[in-house]
């Protein structure tokens, strides 16, 4: 039989629970003497309790990392039509919007291609054929990340002609359009 200072044990266990941010077990250890077998069982029970709580928290953190990394594909024409409609309302001149959009769409398609192929294209290497293929790739497999970049490029272009408050409103509306068309499959993980 081992002799136990129950107050000291309680303080040490509370520090341990606090260290791992775990709710303490309700069970109190007030006995002054405990057998080695009972002590071993108690140690195992406390360890299991700590591991179970820590495992839940770690799982939540890992799941959140996966959720934050999800980059779902978005149907091109649905999201682009909504963005174009908003931009026409915001700018007021459909011809200007079309010119801005062609340039920005090309930049985003180029960036997507460079990321996927892990290859940088200089302006001299960037040809019409590459551009058309990249834009088709964006149409076929555009993701949330691509459309967020598209929004940022559009806002960057507009920032020269409107104030920061209008840019903030436009960013919010455009990001809501993207969210409306995004389907996250990992949201319930």
N, C-alpha and C. Protein backbone atom coordinates (compact mmCIF):
# COMPACT_ATOMS: atom_id res chain seq x y z
N UNK A 1 0.84 -1.20 0.00
CA UNK A 1 0.00 0.00 0.00
C UNK A 1 0.88 1.26 0.00
N UNK A 2 0.51 2.19 -0.89
CA UNK A 2 1.23 3.45 -0.97
C UNK A 2 0.49 4.50 -0.17
N UNK A 3 1.23 5.36 0.47
CA UNK A 3 0.65 6.44 1.25
C UNK A 3 0.57 7.68 0.36
N UNK A 4 -0.62 8.29 0.21
CA UNK A 4 -0.85 9.40 -0.71
C UNK A 4 -1.26 10.65 0.05
N UNK A 5 -0.65 11.80 -0.28
CA UNK A 5 -1.09 13.09 0.24
C UNK A 5 -2.17 13.58 -0.72
N UNK A 6 -3.44 13.42 -0.33
CA UNK A 6 -4.55 13.68 -1.24
C UNK A 6 -4.63 15.14 -1.66
N UNK A 7 -4.30 16.08 -0.81
CA UNK A 7 -4.32 17.51 -1.18
C UNK A 7 -3.26 17.81 -2.24
N UNK A 8 -2.09 17.26 -2.05
CA UNK A 8 -1.01 17.47 -3.01
C UNK A 8 -1.37 16.83 -4.35
N UNK A 9 -1.94 15.62 -4.30
CA UNK A 9 -2.35 14.92 -5.52
C UNK A 9 -3.42 15.74 -6.25
N UNK A 10 -4.38 16.26 -5.50
CA UNK A 10 -5.45 17.06 -6.10
C UNK A 10 -4.88 18.29 -6.80
N UNK A 11 -3.97 19.01 -6.15
CA UNK A 11 -3.34 20.19 -6.76
C UNK A 11 -2.59 19.82 -8.04
N UNK A 12 -1.83 18.73 -7.96
CA UNK A 12 -1.04 18.29 -9.13
C UNK A 12 -1.97 17.91 -10.29
N UNK A 13 -3.06 17.19 -9.98
CA UNK A 13 -4.00 16.79 -11.03
C UNK A 13 -4.71 18.01 -11.63
N UNK A 14 -5.08 18.97 -10.79
CA UNK A 14 -5.72 20.18 -11.31
C UNK A 14 -4.77 20.95 -12.24
N UNK A 15 -3.49 21.01 -11.88
CA UNK A 15 -2.50 21.65 -12.75
C UNK A 15 -2.40 20.90 -14.08
N UNK A 16 -2.45 19.58 -14.00
CA UNK A 16 -2.37 18.76 -15.20
C UNK A 16 -3.60 18.98 -16.09
N UNK A 17 -4.78 18.98 -15.50
CA UNK A 17 -6.00 19.24 -16.25
C UNK A 17 -5.96 20.63 -16.89
N UNK A 18 -5.50 21.59 -16.12
CA UNK A 18 -5.41 22.96 -16.62
C UNK A 18 -4.39 23.07 -17.76
N UNK A 19 -3.28 22.36 -17.64
CA UNK A 19 -2.24 22.39 -18.66
C UNK A 19 -2.78 21.94 -20.02
N UNK A 20 -3.64 20.93 -20.01
CA UNK A 20 -4.19 20.38 -21.25
C UNK A 20 -5.60 20.90 -21.54
N UNK A 21 -6.05 21.89 -20.76
CA UNK A 21 -7.36 22.52 -20.95
C UNK A 21 -8.48 21.47 -20.98
N UNK A 22 -8.47 20.61 -19.98
CA UNK A 22 -9.44 19.53 -19.87
C UNK A 22 -10.24 19.74 -18.58
N UNK A 23 -11.55 19.49 -18.66
CA UNK A 23 -12.39 19.57 -17.48
C UNK A 23 -12.01 18.45 -16.52
N UNK A 24 -11.75 18.78 -15.25
CA UNK A 24 -11.36 17.73 -14.29
C UNK A 24 -12.47 16.71 -14.08
N UNK A 25 -12.06 15.49 -13.79
CA UNK A 25 -13.04 14.47 -13.45
C UNK A 25 -13.62 14.80 -12.09
N UNK A 26 -14.87 14.41 -11.88
CA UNK A 26 -15.54 14.71 -10.62
C UNK A 26 -15.02 13.83 -9.48
N UNK A 27 -14.44 12.74 -9.83
CA UNK A 27 -13.96 11.79 -8.83
C UNK A 27 -12.84 12.40 -7.98
N UNK A 28 -12.95 12.30 -6.68
CA UNK A 28 -11.94 12.83 -5.76
C UNK A 28 -11.13 11.67 -5.19
N UNK A 29 -9.85 11.90 -4.98
CA UNK A 29 -8.97 10.87 -4.41
C UNK A 29 -8.60 11.30 -3.00
N UNK A 30 -9.44 10.87 -2.03
CA UNK A 30 -9.26 11.30 -0.64
C UNK A 30 -8.62 10.22 0.22
N UNK A 31 -8.49 9.03 -0.31
CA UNK A 31 -7.89 7.95 0.49
C UNK A 31 -6.41 8.25 0.70
N UNK A 32 -5.95 7.94 1.88
CA UNK A 32 -4.55 8.20 2.17
C UNK A 32 -3.65 7.05 1.75
N UNK A 33 -4.21 5.87 1.68
CA UNK A 33 -3.40 4.74 1.24
C UNK A 33 -4.12 4.06 0.08
N UNK A 34 -3.34 3.64 -0.89
CA UNK A 34 -3.90 3.04 -2.09
C UNK A 34 -2.98 1.92 -2.53
N UNK A 35 -3.57 0.85 -3.02
CA UNK A 35 -2.75 -0.27 -3.48
C UNK A 35 -2.11 0.09 -4.82
N UNK A 36 -1.06 -0.59 -5.19
CA UNK A 36 -0.36 -0.34 -6.44
C UNK A 36 -1.29 -0.62 -7.63
N UNK A 37 -2.08 -1.68 -7.54
CA UNK A 37 -3.01 -2.02 -8.63
C UNK A 37 -4.07 -0.92 -8.80
N UNK A 38 -4.64 -0.44 -7.67
CA UNK A 38 -5.63 0.64 -7.74
C UNK A 38 -4.99 1.92 -8.28
N UNK A 39 -3.78 2.18 -7.86
CA UNK A 39 -3.05 3.36 -8.33
C UNK A 39 -2.84 3.29 -9.84
N UNK A 40 -2.46 2.12 -10.33
CA UNK A 40 -2.25 1.93 -11.77
C UNK A 40 -3.55 2.13 -12.54
N UNK A 41 -4.65 1.57 -12.03
CA UNK A 41 -5.96 1.75 -12.68
C UNK A 41 -6.38 3.22 -12.69
N UNK A 42 -6.16 3.91 -11.59
CA UNK A 42 -6.51 5.32 -11.50
C UNK A 42 -5.68 6.15 -12.49
N UNK A 43 -4.40 5.86 -12.56
CA UNK A 43 -3.52 6.55 -13.51
C UNK A 43 -4.00 6.32 -14.94
N UNK A 44 -4.35 5.09 -15.27
CA UNK A 44 -4.86 4.77 -16.60
C UNK A 44 -6.17 5.51 -16.90
N UNK A 45 -7.07 5.56 -15.91
CA UNK A 45 -8.34 6.27 -16.09
C UNK A 45 -8.12 7.76 -16.35
N UNK A 46 -7.25 8.38 -15.56
CA UNK A 46 -6.97 9.81 -15.74
C UNK A 46 -6.31 10.05 -17.10
N UNK A 47 -5.37 9.19 -17.45
CA UNK A 47 -4.69 9.33 -18.75
C UNK A 47 -5.68 9.19 -19.90
N UNK A 48 -6.58 8.22 -19.81
CA UNK A 48 -7.60 8.04 -20.85
C UNK A 48 -8.50 9.27 -20.96
N UNK A 49 -8.87 9.83 -19.80
CA UNK A 49 -9.71 11.03 -19.80
C UNK A 49 -8.98 12.19 -20.47
N UNK A 50 -7.72 12.38 -20.14
CA UNK A 50 -6.92 13.45 -20.76
C UNK A 50 -6.77 13.23 -22.26
N UNK A 51 -6.48 12.00 -22.65
CA UNK A 51 -6.28 11.69 -24.07
C UNK A 51 -7.57 11.85 -24.86
N UNK A 52 -8.69 11.44 -24.27
CA UNK A 52 -9.97 11.53 -24.97
C UNK A 52 -10.31 13.00 -25.25
N UNK A 53 -10.16 13.85 -24.27
CA UNK A 53 -10.46 15.27 -24.46
C UNK A 53 -9.48 15.91 -25.44
N UNK A 54 -8.21 15.56 -25.30
CA UNK A 54 -7.20 16.12 -26.19
C UNK A 54 -7.42 15.61 -27.61
N UNK A 55 -7.80 14.36 -27.76
CA UNK A 55 -8.06 13.79 -29.08
C UNK A 55 -9.20 14.53 -29.78
N UNK A 56 -10.26 14.85 -29.04
CA UNK A 56 -11.39 15.59 -29.61
C UNK A 56 -10.93 16.95 -30.10
N UNK A 57 -10.14 17.64 -29.28
CA UNK A 57 -9.68 18.97 -29.66
C UNK A 57 -8.74 18.91 -30.85
N UNK A 58 -7.84 17.94 -30.87
CA UNK A 58 -6.92 17.79 -32.00
C UNK A 58 -7.69 17.46 -33.28
N UNK A 59 -8.70 16.60 -33.15
CA UNK A 59 -9.50 16.24 -34.32
C UNK A 59 -10.21 17.47 -34.87
N UNK A 60 -10.75 18.30 -33.98
CA UNK A 60 -11.41 19.52 -34.42
C UNK A 60 -10.44 20.45 -35.14
N UNK A 61 -9.22 20.57 -34.61
CA UNK A 61 -8.22 21.43 -35.25
C UNK A 61 -7.83 20.89 -36.63
N UNK A 62 -7.63 19.57 -36.72
CA UNK A 62 -7.27 18.97 -38.00
C UNK A 62 -8.42 19.12 -38.99
N UNK A 63 -9.65 18.88 -38.53
CA UNK A 63 -10.82 19.03 -39.40
C UNK A 63 -10.94 20.47 -39.89
N UNK A 64 -10.67 21.43 -38.99
CA UNK A 64 -10.73 22.84 -39.39
C UNK A 64 -9.67 23.16 -40.43
N UNK A 65 -8.49 22.55 -40.31
CA UNK A 65 -7.45 22.76 -41.31
C UNK A 65 -7.91 22.25 -42.68
N UNK A 66 -8.57 21.10 -42.70
CA UNK A 66 -9.10 20.57 -43.97
C UNK A 66 -10.19 21.47 -44.52
N UNK A 67 -11.10 21.93 -43.65
CA UNK A 67 -12.19 22.80 -44.09
C UNK A 67 -11.63 24.10 -44.67
N UNK A 68 -10.64 24.67 -43.99
CA UNK A 68 -10.07 25.92 -44.46
C UNK A 68 -9.28 25.75 -45.76
N UNK A 69 -8.86 24.54 -46.05
CA UNK A 69 -8.07 24.27 -47.26
C UNK A 69 -8.93 23.82 -48.44
N UNK A 70 -10.20 23.59 -48.19
CA UNK A 70 -11.06 23.14 -49.28
C UNK A 70 -11.19 24.24 -50.33
N UNK A 71 -11.06 23.86 -51.57
CA UNK A 71 -11.11 24.80 -52.69
C UNK A 71 -12.06 24.24 -53.76
N UNK A 72 -13.37 24.31 -53.50
CA UNK A 72 -14.33 23.65 -54.40
C UNK A 72 -14.41 24.33 -55.77
N UNK A 73 -14.73 23.51 -56.76
CA UNK A 73 -14.97 24.05 -58.10
C UNK A 73 -16.30 24.77 -58.11
N UNK A 74 -16.36 25.82 -58.91
CA UNK A 74 -17.58 26.62 -59.04
C UNK A 74 -17.93 26.68 -60.51
N UNK A 75 -19.20 26.49 -60.88
CA UNK A 75 -19.59 26.59 -62.29
C UNK A 75 -19.30 27.98 -62.83
N UNK A 76 -18.52 28.05 -63.87
CA UNK A 76 -18.00 29.32 -64.40
C UNK A 76 -19.10 30.29 -64.80
N UNK A 77 -20.00 29.84 -65.66
CA UNK A 77 -20.96 30.78 -66.24
C UNK A 77 -21.94 31.32 -65.20
N UNK A 78 -22.31 30.51 -64.23
CA UNK A 78 -23.25 30.98 -63.21
C UNK A 78 -22.62 32.12 -62.39
N UNK A 79 -21.41 31.90 -61.91
CA UNK A 79 -20.77 32.93 -61.08
C UNK A 79 -20.36 34.14 -61.91
N UNK A 80 -19.90 33.93 -63.12
CA UNK A 80 -19.46 35.05 -63.96
C UNK A 80 -20.65 35.92 -64.36
N UNK A 81 -21.78 35.32 -64.66
CA UNK A 81 -22.96 36.12 -65.02
C UNK A 81 -23.37 37.01 -63.85
N UNK A 82 -23.36 36.48 -62.64
CA UNK A 82 -23.71 37.28 -61.47
C UNK A 82 -22.69 38.38 -61.22
N UNK A 83 -21.41 38.07 -61.38
CA UNK A 83 -20.36 39.08 -61.20
C UNK A 83 -20.49 40.18 -62.26
N UNK A 84 -20.71 39.77 -63.50
CA UNK A 84 -20.86 40.75 -64.59
C UNK A 84 -22.08 41.65 -64.35
N UNK A 85 -23.18 41.06 -63.90
CA UNK A 85 -24.37 41.85 -63.63
C UNK A 85 -24.09 42.89 -62.55
N UNK A 86 -23.43 42.45 -61.47
CA UNK A 86 -23.09 43.40 -60.41
C UNK A 86 -22.15 44.49 -60.92
N UNK A 87 -21.14 44.10 -61.68
CA UNK A 87 -20.17 45.07 -62.19
C UNK A 87 -20.85 46.08 -63.12
N UNK A 88 -21.79 45.63 -63.95
CA UNK A 88 -22.52 46.56 -64.82
C UNK A 88 -23.30 47.57 -63.99
N UNK A 89 -23.93 47.10 -62.90
CA UNK A 89 -24.67 48.02 -62.02
C UNK A 89 -23.70 48.97 -61.31
N UNK A 90 -22.56 48.44 -60.88
CA UNK A 90 -21.60 49.22 -60.10
C UNK A 90 -20.90 50.28 -60.96
N UNK A 91 -20.44 49.87 -62.13
CA UNK A 91 -19.68 50.78 -63.00
C UNK A 91 -20.63 51.62 -63.86
N UNK A 92 -21.66 51.00 -64.36
CA UNK A 92 -22.64 51.73 -65.15
C UNK A 92 -22.41 51.69 -66.65
N UNK A 93 -21.23 51.27 -67.08
CA UNK A 93 -20.92 51.24 -68.51
C UNK A 93 -20.54 49.82 -68.91
N UNK A 94 -21.45 49.09 -69.60
CA UNK A 94 -21.16 47.70 -69.95
C UNK A 94 -19.91 47.52 -70.80
N UNK A 95 -19.60 48.48 -71.66
CA UNK A 95 -18.41 48.37 -72.51
C UNK A 95 -17.13 48.41 -71.65
N UNK A 96 -17.09 49.32 -70.70
CA UNK A 96 -15.93 49.42 -69.79
C UNK A 96 -15.80 48.15 -68.97
N UNK A 97 -16.92 47.64 -68.47
CA UNK A 97 -16.90 46.40 -67.69
C UNK A 97 -16.36 45.25 -68.53
N UNK A 98 -16.77 45.18 -69.78
CA UNK A 98 -16.31 44.12 -70.68
C UNK A 98 -14.80 44.20 -70.88
N UNK A 99 -14.27 45.39 -71.08
CA UNK A 99 -12.82 45.57 -71.26
C UNK A 99 -12.05 45.19 -70.00
N UNK A 100 -12.54 45.64 -68.85
CA UNK A 100 -11.90 45.29 -67.58
C UNK A 100 -11.94 43.78 -67.39
N UNK A 101 -13.08 43.21 -67.67
CA UNK A 101 -13.27 41.79 -67.42
C UNK A 101 -12.39 40.92 -68.30
N UNK A 102 -12.22 41.28 -69.55
CA UNK A 102 -11.38 40.50 -70.46
C UNK A 102 -9.94 40.48 -69.94
N UNK A 103 -9.44 41.64 -69.52
CA UNK A 103 -8.07 41.72 -69.01
C UNK A 103 -7.90 40.93 -67.71
N UNK A 104 -8.84 41.13 -66.78
CA UNK A 104 -8.75 40.45 -65.48
C UNK A 104 -8.93 38.95 -65.64
N UNK A 105 -9.86 38.54 -66.48
CA UNK A 105 -10.09 37.11 -66.71
C UNK A 105 -8.82 36.45 -67.26
N UNK A 106 -8.14 37.14 -68.15
CA UNK A 106 -6.89 36.63 -68.71
C UNK A 106 -5.80 36.52 -67.63
N UNK A 107 -5.72 37.52 -66.75
CA UNK A 107 -4.73 37.48 -65.65
C UNK A 107 -4.99 36.30 -64.72
N UNK A 108 -6.25 36.10 -64.37
CA UNK A 108 -6.61 35.01 -63.45
C UNK A 108 -6.35 33.65 -64.11
N UNK A 109 -6.72 33.51 -65.37
CA UNK A 109 -6.48 32.25 -66.08
C UNK A 109 -4.98 31.97 -66.18
N UNK A 110 -4.19 33.01 -66.42
CA UNK A 110 -2.74 32.85 -66.49
C UNK A 110 -2.19 32.39 -65.14
N UNK A 111 -2.63 33.04 -64.08
CA UNK A 111 -2.17 32.67 -62.73
C UNK A 111 -2.55 31.24 -62.39
N UNK A 112 -3.77 30.84 -62.74
CA UNK A 112 -4.23 29.47 -62.48
C UNK A 112 -3.34 28.47 -63.22
N UNK A 113 -3.06 28.75 -64.49
CA UNK A 113 -2.22 27.86 -65.28
C UNK A 113 -0.81 27.78 -64.70
N UNK A 114 -0.27 28.92 -64.30
CA UNK A 114 1.09 28.94 -63.71
C UNK A 114 1.14 28.13 -62.41
N UNK A 115 0.10 28.25 -61.60
CA UNK A 115 0.06 27.48 -60.35
C UNK A 115 -0.06 25.98 -60.60
N UNK A 116 -0.91 25.63 -61.56
CA UNK A 116 -1.12 24.21 -61.83
C UNK A 116 0.10 23.56 -62.48
N UNK A 117 0.74 24.28 -63.38
CA UNK A 117 1.90 23.72 -64.08
C UNK A 117 3.21 24.01 -63.35
N UNK A 118 3.12 24.82 -62.28
CA UNK A 118 4.31 25.23 -61.53
C UNK A 118 5.38 25.79 -62.46
N UNK A 119 4.93 26.69 -63.32
CA UNK A 119 5.81 27.28 -64.32
C UNK A 119 5.40 28.74 -64.54
N UNK A 120 6.38 29.62 -64.55
CA UNK A 120 6.10 31.04 -64.78
C UNK A 120 6.21 31.34 -66.27
N UNK A 121 5.24 32.09 -66.79
CA UNK A 121 5.27 32.51 -68.19
C UNK A 121 5.60 34.01 -68.24
N UNK A 122 6.66 34.37 -68.95
CA UNK A 122 6.96 35.79 -69.15
C UNK A 122 5.96 36.34 -70.15
N UNK A 123 5.91 37.65 -70.26
CA UNK A 123 4.98 38.27 -71.21
C UNK A 123 5.27 37.83 -72.64
N UNK A 124 6.56 37.61 -72.95
CA UNK A 124 6.93 37.15 -74.29
C UNK A 124 6.46 35.74 -74.58
N UNK A 125 6.42 34.91 -73.55
CA UNK A 125 5.99 33.51 -73.73
C UNK A 125 4.46 33.39 -73.77
N UNK A 126 3.78 34.36 -73.20
CA UNK A 126 2.31 34.28 -73.08
C UNK A 126 1.69 34.60 -74.44
N UNK A 127 1.22 33.56 -75.11
CA UNK A 127 0.68 33.72 -76.46
C UNK A 127 -0.85 33.63 -76.43
N UNK A 128 -1.47 33.90 -77.57
CA UNK A 128 -2.93 33.80 -77.68
C UNK A 128 -3.40 32.36 -77.45
N UNK A 129 -2.63 31.39 -77.96
CA UNK A 129 -3.01 29.99 -77.78
C UNK A 129 -2.97 29.60 -76.30
N UNK A 130 -1.91 30.00 -75.62
CA UNK A 130 -1.81 29.72 -74.18
C UNK A 130 -2.95 30.40 -73.43
N UNK A 131 -3.23 31.64 -73.80
CA UNK A 131 -4.29 32.40 -73.15
C UNK A 131 -5.65 31.73 -73.33
N UNK A 132 -5.95 31.31 -74.56
CA UNK A 132 -7.24 30.66 -74.83
C UNK A 132 -7.36 29.34 -74.07
N UNK A 133 -6.26 28.57 -74.03
CA UNK A 133 -6.27 27.31 -73.28
C UNK A 133 -6.43 27.54 -71.78
N UNK A 134 -5.78 28.58 -71.27
CA UNK A 134 -5.89 28.89 -69.84
C UNK A 134 -7.29 29.34 -69.48
N UNK A 135 -7.89 30.16 -70.34
CA UNK A 135 -9.26 30.62 -70.08
C UNK A 135 -10.24 29.45 -70.14
N UNK A 136 -10.02 28.54 -71.09
CA UNK A 136 -10.88 27.35 -71.16
C UNK A 136 -10.72 26.50 -69.92
N UNK A 137 -9.49 26.38 -69.42
CA UNK A 137 -9.23 25.63 -68.18
C UNK A 137 -9.95 26.29 -67.00
N UNK A 138 -9.94 27.62 -66.95
CA UNK A 138 -10.66 28.34 -65.91
C UNK A 138 -12.16 28.07 -66.01
N UNK A 139 -12.67 28.05 -67.22
CA UNK A 139 -14.11 27.76 -67.41
C UNK A 139 -14.46 26.34 -67.00
N UNK A 140 -13.57 25.41 -67.32
CA UNK A 140 -13.86 24.00 -67.03
C UNK A 140 -13.65 23.64 -65.56
N UNK A 141 -12.65 24.24 -64.92
CA UNK A 141 -12.28 23.81 -63.57
C UNK A 141 -11.93 24.98 -62.66
N UNK A 142 -12.67 26.07 -62.77
CA UNK A 142 -12.42 27.22 -61.90
C UNK A 142 -12.82 26.91 -60.46
N UNK A 143 -11.99 27.32 -59.53
CA UNK A 143 -12.25 27.03 -58.12
C UNK A 143 -12.52 28.32 -57.36
N UNK A 144 -12.89 28.15 -56.11
CA UNK A 144 -13.16 29.30 -55.25
C UNK A 144 -11.95 30.24 -55.19
N UNK A 145 -10.76 29.67 -55.06
CA UNK A 145 -9.53 30.48 -55.01
C UNK A 145 -9.38 31.33 -56.26
N UNK A 146 -9.70 30.76 -57.42
CA UNK A 146 -9.58 31.49 -58.68
C UNK A 146 -10.54 32.68 -58.73
N UNK A 147 -11.77 32.48 -58.27
CA UNK A 147 -12.75 33.55 -58.32
C UNK A 147 -12.49 34.61 -57.26
N UNK A 148 -11.91 34.23 -56.14
CA UNK A 148 -11.50 35.22 -55.14
C UNK A 148 -10.40 36.11 -55.74
N UNK A 149 -9.46 35.49 -56.45
CA UNK A 149 -8.42 36.26 -57.13
C UNK A 149 -9.04 37.18 -58.19
N UNK A 150 -10.03 36.68 -58.92
CA UNK A 150 -10.73 37.49 -59.92
C UNK A 150 -11.36 38.72 -59.26
N UNK A 151 -12.02 38.51 -58.13
CA UNK A 151 -12.64 39.63 -57.41
C UNK A 151 -11.57 40.63 -56.98
N UNK A 152 -10.46 40.14 -56.43
CA UNK A 152 -9.39 41.04 -55.98
C UNK A 152 -8.81 41.84 -57.15
N UNK A 153 -8.64 41.20 -58.29
CA UNK A 153 -8.12 41.90 -59.48
C UNK A 153 -9.14 42.94 -59.97
N UNK A 154 -10.42 42.60 -59.97
CA UNK A 154 -11.45 43.56 -60.37
C UNK A 154 -11.44 44.77 -59.45
N UNK A 155 -11.35 44.51 -58.15
CA UNK A 155 -11.36 45.61 -57.18
C UNK A 155 -10.09 46.45 -57.29
N UNK A 156 -8.98 45.79 -57.58
CA UNK A 156 -7.72 46.52 -57.78
C UNK A 156 -7.86 47.49 -58.96
N UNK A 157 -8.50 47.05 -60.00
CA UNK A 157 -8.72 47.89 -61.17
C UNK A 157 -9.66 49.04 -60.84
N UNK A 158 -10.72 48.75 -60.08
CA UNK A 158 -11.70 49.78 -59.75
C UNK A 158 -11.19 50.78 -58.71
N UNK A 159 -10.19 50.39 -57.94
CA UNK A 159 -9.72 51.23 -56.84
C UNK A 159 -9.18 52.58 -57.30
N UNK A 160 -8.83 52.69 -58.55
CA UNK A 160 -8.32 53.97 -59.06
C UNK A 160 -9.43 54.98 -59.30
N UNK A 161 -10.67 54.51 -59.41
CA UNK A 161 -11.75 55.44 -59.76
C UNK A 161 -12.85 55.58 -58.69
N UNK A 162 -12.79 54.80 -57.61
CA UNK A 162 -13.80 54.91 -56.55
C UNK A 162 -13.11 54.95 -55.20
N UNK A 163 -13.84 55.38 -54.16
CA UNK A 163 -13.23 55.49 -52.83
C UNK A 163 -13.25 54.15 -52.08
N UNK A 164 -12.57 54.11 -50.96
CA UNK A 164 -12.40 52.87 -50.19
C UNK A 164 -13.72 52.30 -49.68
N UNK A 165 -14.65 53.16 -49.33
CA UNK A 165 -15.94 52.68 -48.83
C UNK A 165 -16.69 51.92 -49.93
N UNK A 166 -16.70 52.46 -51.13
CA UNK A 166 -17.36 51.78 -52.25
C UNK A 166 -16.66 50.48 -52.59
N UNK A 167 -15.32 50.47 -52.49
CA UNK A 167 -14.56 49.23 -52.74
C UNK A 167 -14.93 48.18 -51.71
N UNK A 168 -15.07 48.60 -50.45
CA UNK A 168 -15.46 47.66 -49.39
C UNK A 168 -16.84 47.05 -49.64
N UNK A 169 -17.76 47.89 -50.07
CA UNK A 169 -19.11 47.40 -50.37
C UNK A 169 -19.07 46.45 -51.56
N UNK A 170 -18.31 46.82 -52.58
CA UNK A 170 -18.20 45.96 -53.77
C UNK A 170 -17.55 44.63 -53.41
N UNK A 171 -16.50 44.65 -52.57
CA UNK A 171 -15.83 43.41 -52.15
C UNK A 171 -16.84 42.49 -51.44
N UNK A 172 -17.61 43.07 -50.53
CA UNK A 172 -18.58 42.28 -49.78
C UNK A 172 -19.62 41.65 -50.73
N UNK A 173 -20.14 42.42 -51.64
CA UNK A 173 -21.16 41.91 -52.57
C UNK A 173 -20.58 40.83 -53.49
N UNK A 174 -19.37 41.07 -54.00
CA UNK A 174 -18.76 40.09 -54.91
C UNK A 174 -18.40 38.80 -54.17
N UNK A 175 -17.92 38.92 -52.95
CA UNK A 175 -17.60 37.70 -52.17
C UNK A 175 -18.88 36.93 -51.84
N UNK A 176 -19.97 37.64 -51.61
CA UNK A 176 -21.25 36.97 -51.37
C UNK A 176 -21.71 36.21 -52.61
N UNK A 177 -21.44 36.76 -53.78
CA UNK A 177 -21.78 36.06 -55.03
C UNK A 177 -21.00 34.75 -55.11
N UNK A 178 -19.72 34.80 -54.79
CA UNK A 178 -18.89 33.59 -54.82
C UNK A 178 -19.40 32.58 -53.81
N UNK A 179 -19.68 33.04 -52.58
CA UNK A 179 -20.19 32.13 -51.54
C UNK A 179 -21.50 31.48 -51.95
N UNK A 180 -22.35 32.24 -52.64
CA UNK A 180 -23.65 31.72 -53.09
C UNK A 180 -23.47 30.54 -54.04
N UNK A 181 -22.43 30.58 -54.84
CA UNK A 181 -22.20 29.53 -55.84
C UNK A 181 -21.26 28.43 -55.35
N UNK A 182 -20.72 28.58 -54.15
CA UNK A 182 -19.76 27.61 -53.62
C UNK A 182 -20.48 26.55 -52.80
N UNK A 183 -20.12 25.30 -53.05
CA UNK A 183 -20.67 24.19 -52.27
C UNK A 183 -19.51 23.50 -51.55
N UNK A 184 -19.40 23.74 -50.24
CA UNK A 184 -18.34 23.11 -49.45
C UNK A 184 -18.82 21.74 -48.98
N UNK A 185 -18.12 20.70 -49.38
CA UNK A 185 -18.51 19.35 -49.01
C UNK A 185 -18.01 18.97 -47.62
N UNK A 186 -17.00 19.67 -47.12
CA UNK A 186 -16.42 19.32 -45.83
C UNK A 186 -17.00 20.13 -44.67
N UNK A 187 -18.05 20.89 -44.89
CA UNK A 187 -18.56 21.75 -43.83
C UNK A 187 -19.11 20.96 -42.63
N UNK A 188 -19.52 19.72 -42.85
CA UNK A 188 -20.08 18.92 -41.75
C UNK A 188 -19.10 17.91 -41.18
N UNK A 189 -17.83 18.02 -41.54
CA UNK A 189 -16.82 17.05 -41.06
C UNK A 189 -16.50 17.33 -39.62
